[in-house]
PDB file of N, CA and C in Angstrom:
ATOM      1  N   MET A   1     220.227  51.060  74.797  1.00  0.00           N
ATOM      2  CA  MET A   1     219.217  50.495  73.928  1.00  0.00           C
ATOM      3  C   MET A   1     219.919  49.753  72.782  1.00  0.00           C
ATOM      4  N   ASP A   2     219.609  48.481  72.645  1.00  0.00           N
ATOM      5  CA  ASP A   2     220.229  47.651  71.624  1.00  0.00           C
ATOM      6  C   ASP A   2     219.306  47.554  70.411  1.00  0.00           C
ATOM      7  N   ILE A   3     219.859  47.789  69.273  1.00  0.00           N
ATOM      8  CA  ILE A   3     219.087  47.723  68.033  1.00  0.00           C
ATOM      9  C   ILE A   3     219.013  46.271  67.585  1.00  0.00           C
ATOM     10  N   SER A   4     217.847  45.835  67.187  1.00  0.00           N
ATOM     11  CA  SER A   4     217.639  44.469  66.751  1.00  0.00           C
ATOM     12  C   SER A   4     218.378  44.197  65.443  1.00  0.00           C
ATOM     13  N   MET A   5     218.730  42.933  65.234  1.00  0.00           N
ATOM     14  CA  MET A   5     219.421  42.534  64.010  1.00  0.00           C
ATOM     15  C   MET A   5     218.530  42.750  62.794  1.00  0.00           C
ATOM     16  N   LEU A   6     217.245  42.699  62.989  1.00  0.00           N
ATOM     17  CA  LEU A   6     216.291  42.863  61.891  1.00  0.00           C
ATOM     18  C   LEU A   6     216.418  44.226  61.226  1.00  0.00           C
ATOM     19  N   TRP A   7     216.760  45.250  62.012  1.00  0.00           N
ATOM     20  CA  TRP A   7     216.897  46.596  61.454  1.00  0.00           C
ATOM     21  C   TRP A   7     218.076  46.703  60.495  1.00  0.00           C
ATOM     22  N   TYR A   8     219.019  45.783  60.586  1.00  0.00           N
ATOM     23  CA  TYR A   8     220.142  45.751  59.656  1.00  0.00           C
ATOM     24  C   TYR A   8     219.907  44.800  58.499  1.00  0.00           C
ATOM     25  N   LEU A   9     219.207  43.713  58.764  1.00  0.00           N
ATOM     26  CA  LEU A   9     219.025  42.700  57.728  1.00  0.00           C
ATOM     27  C   LEU A   9     217.980  43.088  56.689  1.00  0.00           C
ATOM     28  N   VAL A  10     216.964  43.823  57.074  1.00  0.00           N
ATOM     29  CA  VAL A  10     215.933  44.238  56.107  1.00  0.00           C
ATOM     30  C   VAL A  10     216.521  45.147  55.022  1.00  0.00           C
ATOM     31  N   PRO A  11     217.302  46.178  55.363  1.00  0.00           N
ATOM     32  CA  PRO A  11     217.921  46.957  54.275  1.00  0.00           C
ATOM     33  C   PRO A  11     218.877  46.127  53.413  1.00  0.00           C
ATOM     34  N   SER A  12     219.536  45.168  54.034  1.00  0.00           N
ATOM     35  CA  SER A  12     220.428  44.307  53.271  1.00  0.00           C
ATOM     36  C   SER A  12     219.650  43.456  52.270  1.00  0.00           C
ATOM     37  N   VAL A  13     218.524  42.925  52.694  1.00  0.00           N
ATOM     38  CA  VAL A  13     217.688  42.131  51.789  1.00  0.00           C
ATOM     39  C   VAL A  13     217.128  43.001  50.671  1.00  0.00           C
ATOM     40  N   VAL A  14     216.732  44.215  50.999  1.00  0.00           N
ATOM     41  CA  VAL A  14     216.216  45.135  49.986  1.00  0.00           C
ATOM     42  C   VAL A  14     217.310  45.487  48.985  1.00  0.00           C
ATOM     43  N   MET A  15     218.521  45.751  49.472  1.00  0.00           N
ATOM     44  CA  MET A  15     219.640  46.045  48.568  1.00  0.00           C
ATOM     45  C   MET A  15     219.939  44.866  47.659  1.00  0.00           C
ATOM     46  N   PHE A  16     219.934  43.663  48.229  1.00  0.00           N
ATOM     47  CA  PHE A  16     220.228  42.480  47.427  1.00  0.00           C
ATOM     48  C   PHE A  16     219.142  42.242  46.385  1.00  0.00           C
ATOM     49  N   ALA A  17     217.878  42.433  46.777  1.00  0.00           N
ATOM     50  CA  ALA A  17     216.777  42.254  45.830  1.00  0.00           C
ATOM     51  C   ALA A  17     216.834  43.285  44.708  1.00  0.00           C
ATOM     52  N   CYS A  18     217.166  44.525  45.038  1.00  0.00           N
ATOM     53  CA  CYS A  18     217.322  45.553  43.995  1.00  0.00           C
ATOM     54  C   CYS A  18     218.474  45.215  43.066  1.00  0.00           C
ATOM     55  N   GLY A  19     219.545  44.667  43.610  1.00  0.00           N
ATOM     56  CA  GLY A  19     220.672  44.258  42.788  1.00  0.00           C
ATOM     57  C   GLY A  19     220.308  43.126  41.842  1.00  0.00           C
ATOM     58  N   ILE A  20     219.566  42.142  42.325  1.00  0.00           N
ATOM     59  CA  ILE A  20     219.131  41.038  41.463  1.00  0.00           C
ATOM     60  C   ILE A  20     218.209  41.551  40.370  1.00  0.00           C
ATOM     61  N   TYR A  21     217.269  42.421  40.741  1.00  0.00           N
ATOM     62  CA  TYR A  21     216.347  42.976  39.752  1.00  0.00           C
ATOM     63  C   TYR A  21     217.109  43.752  38.674  1.00  0.00           C
ATOM     64  N   GLY A  22     218.058  44.583  39.098  1.00  0.00           N
ATOM     65  CA  GLY A  22     218.842  45.349  38.132  1.00  0.00           C
ATOM     66  C   GLY A  22     219.713  44.467  37.265  1.00  0.00           C
ATOM     67  N   PHE A  23     220.264  43.406  37.840  1.00  0.00           N
ATOM     68  CA  PHE A  23     221.125  42.498  37.083  1.00  0.00           C
ATOM     69  C   PHE A  23     220.336  41.749  36.018  1.00  0.00           C
ATOM     70  N   VAL A  24     219.116  41.373  36.352  1.00  0.00           N
ATOM     71  CA  VAL A  24     218.300  40.589  35.419  1.00  0.00           C
ATOM     72  C   VAL A  24     217.662  41.455  34.342  1.00  0.00           C
ATOM     73  N   THR A  25     217.264  42.670  34.680  1.00  0.00           N
ATOM     74  CA  THR A  25     216.475  43.470  33.748  1.00  0.00           C
ATOM     75  C   THR A  25     217.283  44.441  32.888  1.00  0.00           C
ATOM     76  N   ARG A  26     218.475  44.800  33.276  1.00  0.00           N
ATOM     77  CA  ARG A  26     219.242  45.802  32.532  1.00  0.00           C
ATOM     78  C   ARG A  26     219.962  45.186  31.345  1.00  0.00           C
ATOM     79  N   LYS A  27     220.178  45.997  30.325  1.00  0.00           N
ATOM     80  CA  LYS A  27     220.916  45.559  29.147  1.00  0.00           C
ATOM     81  C   LYS A  27     222.228  46.308  28.973  1.00  0.00           C
ATOM     82  N   ASN A  28     222.454  47.319  29.781  1.00  0.00           N
ATOM     83  CA  ASN A  28     223.687  48.089  29.720  1.00  0.00           C
ATOM     84  C   ASN A  28     224.707  47.464  30.675  1.00  0.00           C
ATOM     85  N   LEU A  29     225.933  47.288  30.217  1.00  0.00           N
ATOM     86  CA  LEU A  29     226.947  46.631  31.035  1.00  0.00           C
ATOM     87  C   LEU A  29     227.294  47.419  32.296  1.00  0.00           C
ATOM     88  N   ILE A  30     227.275  48.731  32.221  1.00  0.00           N
ATOM     89  CA  ILE A  30     227.566  49.549  33.407  1.00  0.00           C
ATOM     90  C   ILE A  30     226.469  49.372  34.452  1.00  0.00           C
ATOM     91  N   ALA A  31     225.213  49.342  34.033  1.00  0.00           N
ATOM     92  CA  ALA A  31     224.104  49.133  34.973  1.00  0.00           C
ATOM     93  C   ALA A  31     224.166  47.741  35.597  1.00  0.00           C
ATOM     94  N   ILE A  32     224.575  46.758  34.823  1.00  0.00           N
ATOM     95  CA  ILE A  32     224.730  45.408  35.360  1.00  0.00           C
ATOM     96  C   ILE A  32     225.851  45.380  36.389  1.00  0.00           C
ATOM     97  N   LEU A  33     226.943  46.082  36.122  1.00  0.00           N
ATOM     98  CA  LEU A  33     228.055  46.154  37.065  1.00  0.00           C
ATOM     99  C   LEU A  33     227.633  46.843  38.361  1.00  0.00           C
ATOM    100  N   ILE A  34     226.871  47.907  38.263  1.00  0.00           N
ATOM    101  CA  ILE A  34     226.380  48.600  39.452  1.00  0.00           C
ATOM    102  C   ILE A  34     225.462  47.684  40.266  1.00  0.00           C
ATOM    103  N   SER A  35     224.625  46.913  39.590  1.00  0.00           N
ATOM    104  CA  SER A  35     223.746  45.978  40.289  1.00  0.00           C
ATOM    105  C   SER A  35     224.545  44.889  40.991  1.00  0.00           C
ATOM    106  N   LEU A  36     225.582  44.418  40.356  1.00  0.00           N
ATOM    107  CA  LEU A  36     226.446  43.414  40.970  1.00  0.00           C
ATOM    108  C   LEU A  36     227.137  43.973  42.208  1.00  0.00           C
ATOM    109  N   GLU A  37     227.593  45.197  42.140  1.00  0.00           N
ATOM    110  CA  GLU A  37     228.217  45.830  43.297  1.00  0.00           C
ATOM    111  C   GLU A  37     227.217  46.033  44.432  1.00  0.00           C
ATOM    112  N   LEU A  38     225.978  46.317  44.100  1.00  0.00           N
ATOM    113  CA  LEU A  38     224.935  46.456  45.115  1.00  0.00           C
ATOM    114  C   LEU A  38     224.717  45.135  45.842  1.00  0.00           C
ATOM    115  N   MET A  39     224.724  44.033  45.103  1.00  0.00           N
ATOM    116  CA  MET A  39     224.575  42.724  45.735  1.00  0.00           C
ATOM    117  C   MET A  39     225.780  42.400  46.622  1.00  0.00           C
ATOM    118  N   LEU A  40     226.977  42.742  46.174  1.00  0.00           N
ATOM    119  CA  LEU A  40     228.166  42.497  46.998  1.00  0.00           C
ATOM    120  C   LEU A  40     228.153  43.335  48.274  1.00  0.00           C
ATOM    121  N   ASN A  41     227.691  44.568  48.185  1.00  0.00           N
ATOM    122  CA  ASN A  41     227.607  45.411  49.379  1.00  0.00           C
ATOM    123  C   ASN A  41     226.565  44.894  50.362  1.00  0.00           C
ATOM    124  N   ALA A  42     225.484  44.326  49.863  1.00  0.00           N
ATOM    125  CA  ALA A  42     224.485  43.725  50.752  1.00  0.00           C
ATOM    126  C   ALA A  42     225.087  42.531  51.487  1.00  0.00           C
ATOM    127  N   ALA A  43     225.872  41.728  50.795  1.00  0.00           N
ATOM    128  CA  ALA A  43     226.529  40.585  51.444  1.00  0.00           C
ATOM    129  C   ALA A  43     227.548  41.068  52.478  1.00  0.00           C
ATOM    130  N   ASP A  44     228.277  42.129  52.173  1.00  0.00           N
ATOM    131  CA  ASP A  44     229.236  42.681  53.134  1.00  0.00           C
ATOM    132  C   ASP A  44     228.535  43.196  54.389  1.00  0.00           C
ATOM    133  N   LEU A  45     227.398  43.821  54.222  1.00  0.00           N
ATOM    134  CA  LEU A  45     226.623  44.273  55.365  1.00  0.00           C
ATOM    135  C   LEU A  45     226.197  43.098  56.228  1.00  0.00           C
ATOM    136  N   ASN A  46     225.822  41.993  55.609  1.00  0.00           N
ATOM    137  CA  ASN A  46     225.457  40.793  56.369  1.00  0.00           C
ATOM    138  C   ASN A  46     226.644  40.250  57.161  1.00  0.00           C
ATOM    139  N   PHE A  47     227.841  40.267  56.565  1.00  0.00           N
ATOM    140  CA  PHE A  47     229.026  39.802  57.286  1.00  0.00           C
ATOM    141  C   PHE A  47     229.234  40.604  58.566  1.00  0.00           C
ATOM    142  N   VAL A  48     229.116  41.906  58.462  1.00  0.00           N
ATOM    143  CA  VAL A  48     229.341  42.766  59.618  1.00  0.00           C
ATOM    144  C   VAL A  48     228.266  42.554  60.674  1.00  0.00           C
ATOM    145  N   VAL A  49     227.015  42.467  60.249  1.00  0.00           N
ATOM    146  CA  VAL A  49     225.909  42.318  61.201  1.00  0.00           C
ATOM    147  C   VAL A  49     226.009  40.991  61.940  1.00  0.00           C
ATOM    148  N   PHE A  50     226.235  39.915  61.211  1.00  0.00           N
ATOM    149  CA  PHE A  50     226.312  38.619  61.878  1.00  0.00           C
ATOM    150  C   PHE A  50     227.538  38.523  62.776  1.00  0.00           C
ATOM    151  N   ASN A  51     228.634  39.146  62.393  1.00  0.00           N
ATOM    152  CA  ASN A  51     229.802  39.150  63.267  1.00  0.00           C
ATOM    153  C   ASN A  51     229.506  39.913  64.549  1.00  0.00           C
ATOM    154  N   ARG A  52     228.845  41.033  64.436  1.00  0.00           N
ATOM    155  CA  ARG A  52     228.563  41.840  65.629  1.00  0.00           C
ATOM    156  C   ARG A  52     227.626  41.132  66.590  1.00  0.00           C
ATOM    157  N   TYR A  53     226.613  40.455  66.073  1.00  0.00           N
ATOM    158  CA  TYR A  53     225.632  39.837  66.947  1.00  0.00           C
ATOM    159  C   TYR A  53     226.012  38.430  67.403  1.00  0.00           C
ATOM    160  N   LEU A  54     226.768  37.690  66.619  1.00  0.00           N
ATOM    161  CA  LEU A  54     227.139  36.342  67.018  1.00  0.00           C
ATOM    162  C   LEU A  54     228.445  36.306  67.815  1.00  0.00           C
ATOM    163  N   PHE A  55     229.403  37.150  67.429  1.00  0.00           N
ATOM    164  CA  PHE A  55     230.694  37.203  68.103  1.00  0.00           C
ATOM    165  C   PHE A  55     231.049  38.663  68.372  1.00  0.00           C
ATOM    166  N   PRO A  56     230.456  39.270  69.411  1.00  0.00           N
ATOM    167  CA  PRO A  56     230.621  40.721  69.612  1.00  0.00           C
ATOM    168  C   PRO A  56     232.054  41.167  69.879  1.00  0.00           C
ATOM    169  N   GLY A  57     232.907  40.313  70.422  1.00  0.00           N
ATOM    170  CA  GLY A  57     234.257  40.740  70.756  1.00  0.00           C
ATOM    171  C   GLY A  57     235.260  40.560  69.641  1.00  0.00           C
ATOM    172  N   SER A  58     234.909  39.847  68.594  1.00  0.00           N
ATOM    173  CA  SER A  58     235.884  39.559  67.539  1.00  0.00           C
ATOM    174  C   SER A  58     235.704  40.503  66.355  1.00  0.00           C
ATOM    175  N   MET A  59     236.716  40.498  65.499  1.00  0.00           N
ATOM    176  CA  MET A  59     236.710  41.413  64.356  1.00  0.00           C
ATOM    177  C   MET A  59     236.806  40.683  63.021  1.00  0.00           C
ATOM    178  N   GLU A  60     236.584  39.366  63.001  1.00  0.00           N
ATOM    179  CA  GLU A  60     236.751  38.617  61.766  1.00  0.00           C
ATOM    180  C   GLU A  60     235.791  39.069  60.666  1.00  0.00           C
ATOM    181  N   GLY A  61     234.556  39.375  61.021  1.00  0.00           N
ATOM    182  CA  GLY A  61     233.581  39.831  60.034  1.00  0.00           C
ATOM    183  C   GLY A  61     233.980  41.160  59.409  1.00  0.00           C
ATOM    184  N   MET A  62     234.518  42.048  60.231  1.00  0.00           N
ATOM    185  CA  MET A  62     234.953  43.347  59.721  1.00  0.00           C
ATOM    186  C   MET A  62     236.163  43.195  58.801  1.00  0.00           C
ATOM    187  N   VAL A  63     237.110  42.345  59.196  1.00  0.00           N
ATOM    188  CA  VAL A  63     238.304  42.129  58.381  1.00  0.00           C
ATOM    189  C   VAL A  63     237.914  41.470  57.057  1.00  0.00           C
ATOM    190  N   PHE A  64     237.026  40.491  57.124  1.00  0.00           N
ATOM    191  CA  PHE A  64     236.585  39.831  55.901  1.00  0.00           C
ATOM    192  C   PHE A  64     235.850  40.815  54.997  1.00  0.00           C
ATOM    193  N   THR A  65     235.070  41.709  55.578  1.00  0.00           N
ATOM    194  CA  THR A  65     234.358  42.711  54.791  1.00  0.00           C
ATOM    195  C   THR A  65     235.335  43.684  54.133  1.00  0.00           C
ATOM    196  N   LEU A  66     236.364  44.111  54.843  1.00  0.00           N
ATOM    197  CA  LEU A  66     237.368  44.985  54.233  1.00  0.00           C
ATOM    198  C   LEU A  66     238.080  44.281  53.085  1.00  0.00           C
ATOM    199  N   PHE A  67     238.378  42.989  53.253  1.00  0.00           N
ATOM    200  CA  PHE A  67     238.985  42.224  52.175  1.00  0.00           C
ATOM    201  C   PHE A  67     238.040  42.132  50.984  1.00  0.00           C
ATOM    202  N   ALA A  68     236.743  41.902  51.251  1.00  0.00           N
ATOM    203  CA  ALA A  68     235.753  41.799  50.172  1.00  0.00           C
ATOM    204  C   ALA A  68     235.582  43.131  49.450  1.00  0.00           C
ATOM    205  N   VAL A  69     235.635  44.245  50.177  1.00  0.00           N
ATOM    206  CA  VAL A  69     235.524  45.560  49.545  1.00  0.00           C
ATOM    207  C   VAL A  69     236.736  45.818  48.650  1.00  0.00           C
ATOM    208  N   ALA A  70     237.924  45.451  49.114  1.00  0.00           N
ATOM    209  CA  ALA A  70     239.122  45.624  48.289  1.00  0.00           C
ATOM    210  C   ALA A  70     239.055  44.749  47.047  1.00  0.00           C
ATOM    211  N   LEU A  71     238.580  43.538  47.206  1.00  0.00           N
ATOM    212  CA  LEU A  71     238.426  42.643  46.067  1.00  0.00           C
ATOM    213  C   LEU A  71     237.377  43.171  45.086  1.00  0.00           C
ATOM    214  N   ALA A  72     236.294  43.735  45.606  1.00  0.00           N
ATOM    215  CA  ALA A  72     235.256  44.308  44.746  1.00  0.00           C
ATOM    216  C   ALA A  72     235.784  45.524  43.981  1.00  0.00           C
ATOM    217  N   ALA A  73     236.648  46.304  44.611  1.00  0.00           N
ATOM    218  CA  ALA A  73     237.232  47.454  43.915  1.00  0.00           C
ATOM    219  C   ALA A  73     238.120  46.998  42.759  1.00  0.00           C
ATOM    220  N   ALA A  74     238.901  45.962  42.992  1.00  0.00           N
ATOM    221  CA  ALA A  74     239.742  45.435  41.909  1.00  0.00           C
ATOM    222  C   ALA A  74     238.889  44.831  40.806  1.00  0.00           C
ATOM    223  N   GLU A  75     237.851  44.142  41.189  1.00  0.00           N
ATOM    224  CA  GLU A  75     236.936  43.546  40.199  1.00  0.00           C
ATOM    225  C   GLU A  75     236.248  44.627  39.382  1.00  0.00           C
ATOM    226  N   THR A  76     235.864  45.713  40.020  1.00  0.00           N
ATOM    227  CA  THR A  76     235.212  46.807  39.306  1.00  0.00           C
ATOM    228  C   THR A  76     236.175  47.474  38.330  1.00  0.00           C
ATOM    229  N   ALA A  77     237.403  47.666  38.739  1.00  0.00           N
ATOM    230  CA  ALA A  77     238.392  48.277  37.840  1.00  0.00           C
ATOM    231  C   ALA A  77     238.625  47.400  36.616  1.00  0.00           C
ATOM    232  N   LEU A  78     238.718  46.102  36.823  1.00  0.00           N
ATOM    233  CA  LEU A  78     238.909  45.183  35.706  1.00  0.00           C
ATOM    234  C   LEU A  78     237.675  45.151  34.803  1.00  0.00           C
ATOM    235  N   ALA A  79     236.497  45.146  35.397  1.00  0.00           N
ATOM    236  CA  ALA A  79     235.258  45.118  34.609  1.00  0.00           C
ATOM    237  C   ALA A  79     235.099  46.401  33.790  1.00  0.00           C
ATOM    238  N   ILE A  80     235.438  47.533  34.369  1.00  0.00           N
ATOM    239  CA  ILE A  80     235.336  48.786  33.621  1.00  0.00           C
ATOM    240  C   ILE A  80     236.324  48.803  32.463  1.00  0.00           C
ATOM    241  N   ALA A  81     237.517  48.247  32.657  1.00  0.00           N
ATOM    242  CA  ALA A  81     238.486  48.160  31.555  1.00  0.00           C
ATOM    243  C   ALA A  81     237.946  47.279  30.433  1.00  0.00           C
ATOM    244  N   ILE A  82     237.319  46.171  30.781  1.00  0.00           N
ATOM    245  CA  ILE A  82     236.722  45.297  29.767  1.00  0.00           C
ATOM    246  C   ILE A  82     235.584  46.009  29.053  1.00  0.00           C
ATOM    247  N   ILE A  83     234.756  46.723  29.796  1.00  0.00           N
ATOM    248  CA  ILE A  83     233.627  47.445  29.197  1.00  0.00           C
ATOM    249  C   ILE A  83     234.133  48.535  28.248  1.00  0.00           C
ATOM    250  N   ILE A  84     235.200  49.218  28.620  1.00  0.00           N
ATOM    251  CA  ILE A  84     235.767  50.244  27.738  1.00  0.00           C
ATOM    252  C   ILE A  84     236.265  49.616  26.440  1.00  0.00           C
ATOM    253  N   ASN A  85     236.917  48.451  26.530  1.00  0.00           N
ATOM    254  CA  ASN A  85     237.379  47.764  25.319  1.00  0.00           C
ATOM    255  C   ASN A  85     236.210  47.308  24.452  1.00  0.00           C
ATOM    256  N   ILE A  86     235.141  46.846  25.070  1.00  0.00           N
ATOM    257  CA  ILE A  86     233.947  46.462  24.308  1.00  0.00           C
ATOM    258  C   ILE A  86     233.351  47.680  23.622  1.00  0.00           C
ATOM    259  N   TYR A  87     233.311  48.812  24.325  1.00  0.00           N
ATOM    260  CA  TYR A  87     232.769  50.034  23.737  1.00  0.00           C
ATOM    261  C   TYR A  87     233.617  50.493  22.547  1.00  0.00           C
ATOM    262  N   ARG A  88     234.922  50.386  22.674  1.00  0.00           N
ATOM    263  CA  ARG A  88     235.804  50.775  21.561  1.00  0.00           C
ATOM    264  C   ARG A  88     235.626  49.854  20.358  1.00  0.00           C
ATOM    265  N   ALA A  89     235.339  48.574  20.624  1.00  0.00           N
ATOM    266  CA  ALA A  89     235.236  47.613  19.528  1.00  0.00           C
ATOM    267  C   ALA A  89     233.912  47.717  18.782  1.00  0.00           C
ATOM    268  N   ILE A  90     232.794  47.850  19.518  1.00  0.00           N
ATOM    269  CA  ILE A  90     231.490  47.814  18.843  1.00  0.00           C
ATOM    270  C   ILE A  90     230.697  49.108  18.954  1.00  0.00           C
ATOM    271  N   GLY A  91     231.138  50.045  19.774  1.00  0.00           N
ATOM    272  CA  GLY A  91     230.502  51.357  19.806  1.00  0.00           C
ATOM    273  C   GLY A  91     229.381  51.532  20.806  1.00  0.00           C
ATOM    274  N   ASN A  92     228.985  50.493  21.531  1.00  0.00           N
ATOM    275  CA  ASN A  92     228.002  50.644  22.599  1.00  0.00           C
ATOM    276  C   ASN A  92     228.224  49.553  23.641  1.00  0.00           C
ATOM    277  N   THR A  93     227.491  49.643  24.744  1.00  0.00           N
ATOM    278  CA  THR A  93     227.658  48.674  25.828  1.00  0.00           C
ATOM    279  C   THR A  93     226.380  47.872  26.063  1.00  0.00           C
ATOM    280  N   ASP A  94     225.605  47.699  25.028  1.00  0.00           N
ATOM    281  CA  ASP A  94     224.385  46.909  25.125  1.00  0.00           C
ATOM    282  C   ASP A  94     224.750  45.426  25.028  1.00  0.00           C
ATOM    283  N   ILE A  95     224.235  44.610  25.933  1.00  0.00           N
ATOM    284  CA  ILE A  95     224.650  43.201  25.956  1.00  0.00           C
ATOM    285  C   ILE A  95     224.111  42.416  24.770  1.00  0.00           C
ATOM    286  N   THR A  96     223.105  42.935  24.109  1.00  0.00           N
ATOM    287  CA  THR A  96     222.606  42.228  22.932  1.00  0.00           C
ATOM    288  C   THR A  96     223.523  42.406  21.733  1.00  0.00           C
ATOM    289  N   GLU A  97     224.404  43.385  21.766  1.00  0.00           N
ATOM    290  CA  GLU A  97     225.321  43.663  20.673  1.00  0.00           C
ATOM    291  C   GLU A  97     226.691  43.002  20.851  1.00  0.00           C
ATOM    292  N   ILE A  98     226.926  42.354  21.961  1.00  0.00           N
ATOM    293  CA  ILE A  98     228.251  41.786  22.228  1.00  0.00           C
ATOM    294  C   ILE A  98     228.538  40.620  21.283  1.00  0.00           C
ATOM    295  N   ASN A  99     227.526  39.930  20.798  1.00  0.00           N
ATOM    296  CA  ASN A  99     227.775  38.797  19.899  1.00  0.00           C
ATOM    297  C   ASN A  99     228.389  39.246  18.577  1.00  0.00           C
ATOM    298  N   LYS A 100     228.423  40.539  18.295  1.00  0.00           N
ATOM    299  CA  LYS A 100     229.095  41.052  17.093  1.00  0.00           C
ATOM    300  C   LYS A 100     230.608  40.913  17.198  1.00  0.00           C
ATOM    301  N   MET A 101     231.133  40.696  18.389  1.00  0.00           N
ATOM    302  CA  MET A 101     232.570  40.576  18.570  1.00  0.00           C
ATOM    303  C   MET A 101     233.067  39.179  18.201  1.00  0.00           C
ATOM    304  N   LYS A 102     232.190  38.233  18.012  1.00  0.00           N
ATOM    305  CA  LYS A 102     232.621  36.867  17.670  1.00  0.00           C
ATOM    306  C   LYS A 102     233.249  36.860  16.287  1.00  0.00           C
ATOM    307  N   PHE A 103     234.227  35.985  16.116  1.00  0.00           N
ATOM    308  CA  PHE A 103     234.899  35.884  14.823  1.00  0.00           C
ATOM    309  C   PHE A 103     234.260  34.821  13.971  1.00  0.00           C
TER     310      PHE A 103
END
């Protein structure tokens, strides 16, 4: 029994939509980072699904997804370091307070 591509794409669309909603509505930098990671994971899921259904014998989608996950991990580590420095400088991670860092 073969599972339809739709069963994989609908959760991916839901994840991406939740990520966009969280990115637009949140004011905390950590919540924005989590929303961004949710959107990246939805895109990675799409890479794997389209690779499996369009080119079943190849592994390019999986390799690209592993590269994207590694890149997302490095991006998250860098973003958390920046957020920690912002917290040390102004005392909170609210995006409305970041303009206090301007000279």
